[in-house]
C-alpha atoms as a PDB file:
ATOM      1  CA  UNK A   1      13.927 -38.808  70.036  1.00  0.00           C
ATOM      2  CA  UNK A   2      12.681 -35.239  69.357  1.00  0.00           C
ATOM      3  CA  UNK A   3      16.267 -33.991  69.635  1.00  0.00           C
ATOM      4  CA  UNK A   4      17.400 -36.556  67.063  1.00  0.00           C
ATOM      5  CA  UNK A   5      14.600 -35.542  64.708  1.00  0.00           C
ATOM      6  CA  UNK A   6      15.513 -31.821  64.975  1.00  0.00           C
ATOM      7  CA  UNK A   7      19.183 -32.660  64.493  1.00  0.00           C
ATOM      8  CA  UNK A   8      18.270 -34.829  61.506  1.00  0.00           C
ATOM      9  CA  UNK A   9      16.320 -31.947  59.931  1.00  0.00           C
ATOM     10  CA  UNK A  10      19.212 -29.560  60.595  1.00  0.00           C
ATOM     11  CA  UNK A  11      21.823 -31.834  59.042  1.00  0.00           C
ATOM     12  CA  UNK A  12      19.549 -32.553  56.092  1.00  0.00           C
ATOM     13  CA  UNK A  13      19.007 -28.836  55.566  1.00  0.00           C
ATOM     14  CA  UNK A  14      22.773 -28.226  55.688  1.00  0.00           C
ATOM     15  CA  UNK A  15      23.434 -30.967  53.150  1.00  0.00           C
ATOM     16  CA  UNK A  16      20.764 -29.484  50.892  1.00  0.00           C
ATOM     17  CA  UNK A  17      22.206 -25.978  51.292  1.00  0.00           C
ATOM     18  CA  UNK A  18      25.736 -27.117  50.393  1.00  0.00           C
ATOM     19  CA  UNK A  19      24.406 -29.041  47.415  1.00  0.00           C
ATOM     20  CA  UNK A  20      22.542 -25.967  46.191  1.00  0.00           C
ATOM     21  CA  UNK A  21      25.690 -23.875  46.722  1.00  0.00           C
ATOM     22  CA  UNK A  22      27.818 -26.343  44.766  1.00  0.00           C
ATOM     23  CA  UNK A  23      25.312 -26.417  41.893  1.00  0.00           C
ATOM     24  CA  UNK A  24      25.023 -22.608  41.856  1.00  0.00           C
ATOM     25  CA  UNK A  25      28.809 -22.328  41.601  1.00  0.00           C
ATOM     26  CA  UNK A  26      28.798 -24.916  38.794  1.00  0.00           C
ATOM     27  CA  UNK A  27      26.071 -22.993  37.004  1.00  0.00           C
ATOM     28  CA  UNK A  28      28.036 -19.718  37.387  1.00  0.00           C
ATOM     29  CA  UNK A  29      31.163 -21.439  35.984  1.00  0.00           C
ATOM     30  CA  UNK A  30      29.275 -22.823  32.992  1.00  0.00           C
ATOM     31  CA  UNK A  31      27.728 -19.474  32.249  1.00  0.00           C
ATOM     32  CA  UNK A  32      31.026 -17.609  32.422  1.00  0.00           C
ATOM     33  CA  UNK A  33      32.732 -20.252  30.284  1.00  0.00           C
ATOM     34  CA  UNK A  34      29.966 -20.020  27.674  1.00  0.00           C
ATOM     35  CA  UNK A  35      30.401 -16.293  27.273  1.00  0.00           C
ATOM     36  CA  UNK A  36      34.186 -16.608  27.097  1.00  0.00           C
ATOM     37  CA  UNK A  37      33.935 -19.307  24.398  1.00  0.00           C
ATOM     38  CA  UNK A  38      31.651 -17.027  22.368  1.00  0.00           C
ATOM     39  CA  UNK A  39      34.121 -14.105  22.746  1.00  0.00           C
ATOM     40  CA  UNK A  40      37.062 -16.348  21.878  1.00  0.00           C
ATOM     41  CA  UNK A  41      35.293 -17.688  18.766  1.00  0.00           C
ATOM     42  CA  UNK A  42      34.341 -14.183  17.661  1.00  0.00           C
ATOM     43  CA  UNK A  43      37.938 -12.975  18.069  1.00  0.00           C
ATOM     44  CA  UNK A  44      39.233 -15.954  16.107  1.00  0.00           C
ATOM     45  CA  UNK A  45      36.677 -15.417  13.348  1.00  0.00           C
ATOM     46  CA  UNK A  46      37.659 -11.756  12.986  1.00  0.00           C
ATOM     47  CA  UNK A  47      41.287 -12.751  12.712  1.00  0.00           C
ATOM     48  CA  UNK A  48      40.752 -15.560  10.213  1.00  0.00           C
ATOM     49  CA  UNK A  49      43.660 -15.644   7.827  1.00  0.00           C
ATOM     50  CA  UNK A  50      45.415 -12.606   9.344  1.00  0.00           C
ATOM     51  CA  UNK A  51      47.408 -14.290  12.126  1.00  0.00           C
ATOM     52  CA  UNK A  52      50.254 -11.789  12.045  1.00  0.00           C
ATOM     53  CA  UNK A  53      48.078  -8.924  13.287  1.00  0.00           C
ATOM     54  CA  UNK A  54      48.389  -7.901  16.948  1.00  0.00           C
ATOM     55  CA  UNK A  55      44.673  -8.368  17.591  1.00  0.00           C
ATOM     56  CA  UNK A  56      44.888 -12.011  16.515  1.00  0.00           C
ATOM     57  CA  UNK A  57      47.858 -12.684  18.755  1.00  0.00           C
ATOM     58  CA  UNK A  58      46.694 -10.820  21.860  1.00  0.00           C
ATOM     59  CA  UNK A  59      42.930 -11.135  22.396  1.00  0.00           C
ATOM     60  CA  UNK A  60      42.340 -14.896  21.861  1.00  0.00           C
ATOM     61  CA  UNK A  61      45.256 -15.959  24.144  1.00  0.00           C
ATOM     62  CA  UNK A  62      44.132 -13.408  26.740  1.00  0.00           C
ATOM     63  CA  UNK A  63      40.606 -14.875  26.679  1.00  0.00           C
ATOM     64  CA  UNK A  64      42.040 -18.363  26.992  1.00  0.00           C
ATOM     65  CA  UNK A  65      44.109 -17.416  30.002  1.00  0.00           C
ATOM     66  CA  UNK A  66      41.076 -15.718  31.532  1.00  0.00           C
ATOM     67  CA  UNK A  67      38.947 -18.825  30.888  1.00  0.00           C
ATOM     68  CA  UNK A  68      41.593 -21.055  32.466  1.00  0.00           C
ATOM     69  CA  UNK A  69      41.881 -18.867  35.583  1.00  0.00           C
ATOM     70  CA  UNK A  70      38.120 -18.748  35.997  1.00  0.00           C
ATOM     71  CA  UNK A  71      37.894 -22.537  35.642  1.00  0.00           C
ATOM     72  CA  UNK A  72      40.598 -22.966  38.343  1.00  0.00           C
ATOM     73  CA  UNK A  73      38.780 -20.530  40.658  1.00  0.00           C
ATOM     74  CA  UNK A  74      35.422 -22.166  39.934  1.00  0.00           C
ATOM     75  CA  UNK A  75      36.875 -25.576  40.673  1.00  0.00           C
ATOM     76  CA  UNK A  76      38.162 -24.357  44.057  1.00  0.00           C
ATOM     77  CA  UNK A  77      34.730 -23.081  45.043  1.00  0.00           C
ATOM     78  CA  UNK A  78      33.004 -26.258  43.863  1.00  0.00           C
ATOM     79  CA  UNK A  79      35.432 -28.445  45.789  1.00  0.00           C
ATOM     80  CA  UNK A  80      34.941 -26.394  48.942  1.00  0.00           C
ATOM     81  CA  UNK A  81      31.180 -26.804  48.769  1.00  0.00           C
ATOM     82  CA  UNK A  82      31.599 -30.527  48.034  1.00  0.00           C
ATOM     83  CA  UNK A  83      33.830 -30.922  51.032  1.00  0.00           C
ATOM     84  CA  UNK A  84      31.389 -29.118  53.336  1.00  0.00           C
ATOM     85  CA  UNK A  85      28.504 -31.184  51.951  1.00  0.00           C
ATOM     86  CA  UNK A  86      30.499 -34.362  52.628  1.00  0.00           C
ATOM     87  CA  UNK A  87      31.109 -33.395  56.234  1.00  0.00           C
ATOM     88  CA  UNK A  88      27.426 -32.703  56.828  1.00  0.00           C
ATOM     89  CA  UNK A  89      26.464 -35.956  55.095  1.00  0.00           C
ATOM     90  CA  UNK A  90      28.888 -37.880  57.367  1.00  0.00           C
ATOM     91  CA  UNK A  91      27.206 -36.286  60.441  1.00  0.00           C
ATOM     92  CA  UNK A  92      23.827 -37.207  59.050  1.00  0.00           C
ATOM     93  CA  UNK A  93      24.877 -40.787  58.386  1.00  0.00           C
ATOM     94  CA  UNK A  94      26.333 -41.129  61.926  1.00  0.00           C
ATOM     95  CA  UNK A  95      23.124 -39.713  63.439  1.00  0.00           C
ATOM     96  CA  UNK A  96      21.016 -42.247  61.487  1.00  0.00           C
ATOM     97  CA  UNK A  97      23.399 -45.058  62.562  1.00  0.00           C
ATOM     98  CA  UNK A  98      22.937 -44.009  66.215  1.00  0.00           C
ATOM     99  CA  UNK A  99      19.170 -43.664  65.928  1.00  0.00           C
ATOM    100  CA  UNK A 100      17.736 -46.481  63.820  1.00  0.00           C
ATOM    101  CA  UNK A 101      14.252 -44.999  64.070  1.00  0.00           C
ATOM    102  CA  UNK A 102      15.438 -42.289  61.679  1.00  0.00           C
ATOM    103  CA  UNK A 103      16.266 -44.738  58.948  1.00  0.00           C
ATOM    104  CA  UNK A 104      12.738 -44.426  57.562  1.00  0.00           C
ATOM    105  CA  UNK A 105      13.482 -40.765  56.691  1.00  0.00           C
ATOM    106  CA  UNK A 106      17.041 -41.210  55.567  1.00  0.00           C
ATOM    107  CA  UNK A 107      18.425 -42.264  52.227  1.00  0.00           C
ATOM    108  CA  UNK A 108      18.922 -46.002  52.270  1.00  0.00           C
ATOM    109  CA  UNK A 109      22.608 -46.787  52.779  1.00  0.00           C
ATOM    110  CA  UNK A 110      23.984 -49.077  50.164  1.00  0.00           C
ATOM    111  CA  UNK A 111      25.856 -49.327  46.905  1.00  0.00           C
ATOM    112  CA  UNK A 112      23.120 -47.662  44.841  1.00  0.00           C
ATOM    113  CA  UNK A 113      22.801 -44.509  46.928  1.00  0.00           C
ATOM    114  CA  UNK A 114      26.549 -44.247  47.402  1.00  0.00           C
ATOM    115  CA  UNK A 115      27.066 -44.708  43.642  1.00  0.00           C
ATOM    116  CA  UNK A 116      24.476 -42.080  42.874  1.00  0.00           C
ATOM    117  CA  UNK A 117      26.041 -39.644  45.310  1.00  0.00           C
ATOM    118  CA  UNK A 118      29.511 -40.223  43.827  1.00  0.00           C
ATOM    119  CA  UNK A 119      28.181 -39.745  40.290  1.00  0.00           C
ATOM    120  CA  UNK A 120      26.665 -36.420  41.268  1.00  0.00           C
ATOM    121  CA  UNK A 121      29.931 -35.270  42.869  1.00  0.00           C
ATOM    122  CA  UNK A 122      31.894 -36.277  39.794  1.00  0.00           C
ATOM    123  CA  UNK A 123      29.514 -34.399  37.567  1.00  0.00           C
ATOM    124  CA  UNK A 124      30.229 -31.263  39.579  1.00  0.00           C
ATOM    125  CA  UNK A 125      34.012 -31.540  39.614  1.00  0.00           C
ATOM    126  CA  UNK A 126      34.711 -32.703  36.054  1.00  0.00           C
ATOM    127  CA  UNK A 127      33.544 -29.647  34.023  1.00  0.00           C
ATOM    128  CA  UNK A 128      36.255 -27.305  35.447  1.00  0.00           C
ATOM    129  CA  UNK A 129      38.906 -29.864  34.456  1.00  0.00           C
ATOM    130  CA  UNK A 130      37.485 -30.165  30.963  1.00  0.00           C
ATOM    131  CA  UNK A 131      37.454 -26.371  30.590  1.00  0.00           C
ATOM    132  CA  UNK A 132      41.024 -26.065  31.841  1.00  0.00           C
ATOM    133  CA  UNK A 133      42.218 -28.595  29.263  1.00  0.00           C
ATOM    134  CA  UNK A 134      40.230 -26.876  26.518  1.00  0.00           C
ATOM    135  CA  UNK A 135      41.614 -23.454  27.367  1.00  0.00           C
ATOM    136  CA  UNK A 136      45.185 -24.750  27.306  1.00  0.00           C
ATOM    137  CA  UNK A 137      44.569 -26.073  23.779  1.00  0.00           C
ATOM    138  CA  UNK A 138      42.859 -22.822  22.714  1.00  0.00           C
ATOM    139  CA  UNK A 139      45.708 -20.730  24.204  1.00  0.00           C
ATOM    140  CA  UNK A 140      48.171 -22.188  21.688  1.00  0.00           C
ATOM    141  CA  UNK A 141      45.814 -22.351  18.689  1.00  0.00           C
ATOM    142  CA  UNK A 142      46.540 -18.807  17.341  1.00  0.00           C
ATOM    143  CA  UNK A 143      50.275 -19.433  17.543  1.00  0.00           C
ATOM    144  CA  UNK A 144      49.963 -22.746  15.714  1.00  0.00           C
ATOM    145  CA  UNK A 145      47.771 -21.102  13.048  1.00  0.00           C
ATOM    146  CA  UNK A 146      50.340 -18.366  12.658  1.00  0.00           C
ATOM    147  CA  UNK A 147      53.064 -20.958  11.924  1.00  0.00           C
ATOM    148  CA  UNK A 148      51.060 -22.765   9.283  1.00  0.00           C
ATOM    149  CA  UNK A 149      51.462 -21.585   5.657  1.00  0.00           C
END
């Protein structure tokens, strides 16, 4: 039993560590995207009405490509942490299944805890996809504005 408790604590600590890592990566992604959106909006505001100038056609698309690439890289890191967290959680669940006396300390298995866990994982992996879609749209915006009369 003492071995199972120590193993339980270790697994729980690893799950917590991977969750913190995933959330730190998500926070870094959101911060970087915020600054890029501000820079993009500033570049577009400076170019307002002068879409034939090189500045208007180079800087905003460059920032959009940079934002897209950072979102892709951020998503990769978030998915890696999510995968590692899932492996540790599976080990923890198996340990609890083998040692019913640990069930008092563990999250109660069931639809509610599984649904809550899935919702948290989706929250972490959706923002990069939203940013990628937004940056694709923003990449073409200066070109569309240049074509308009």
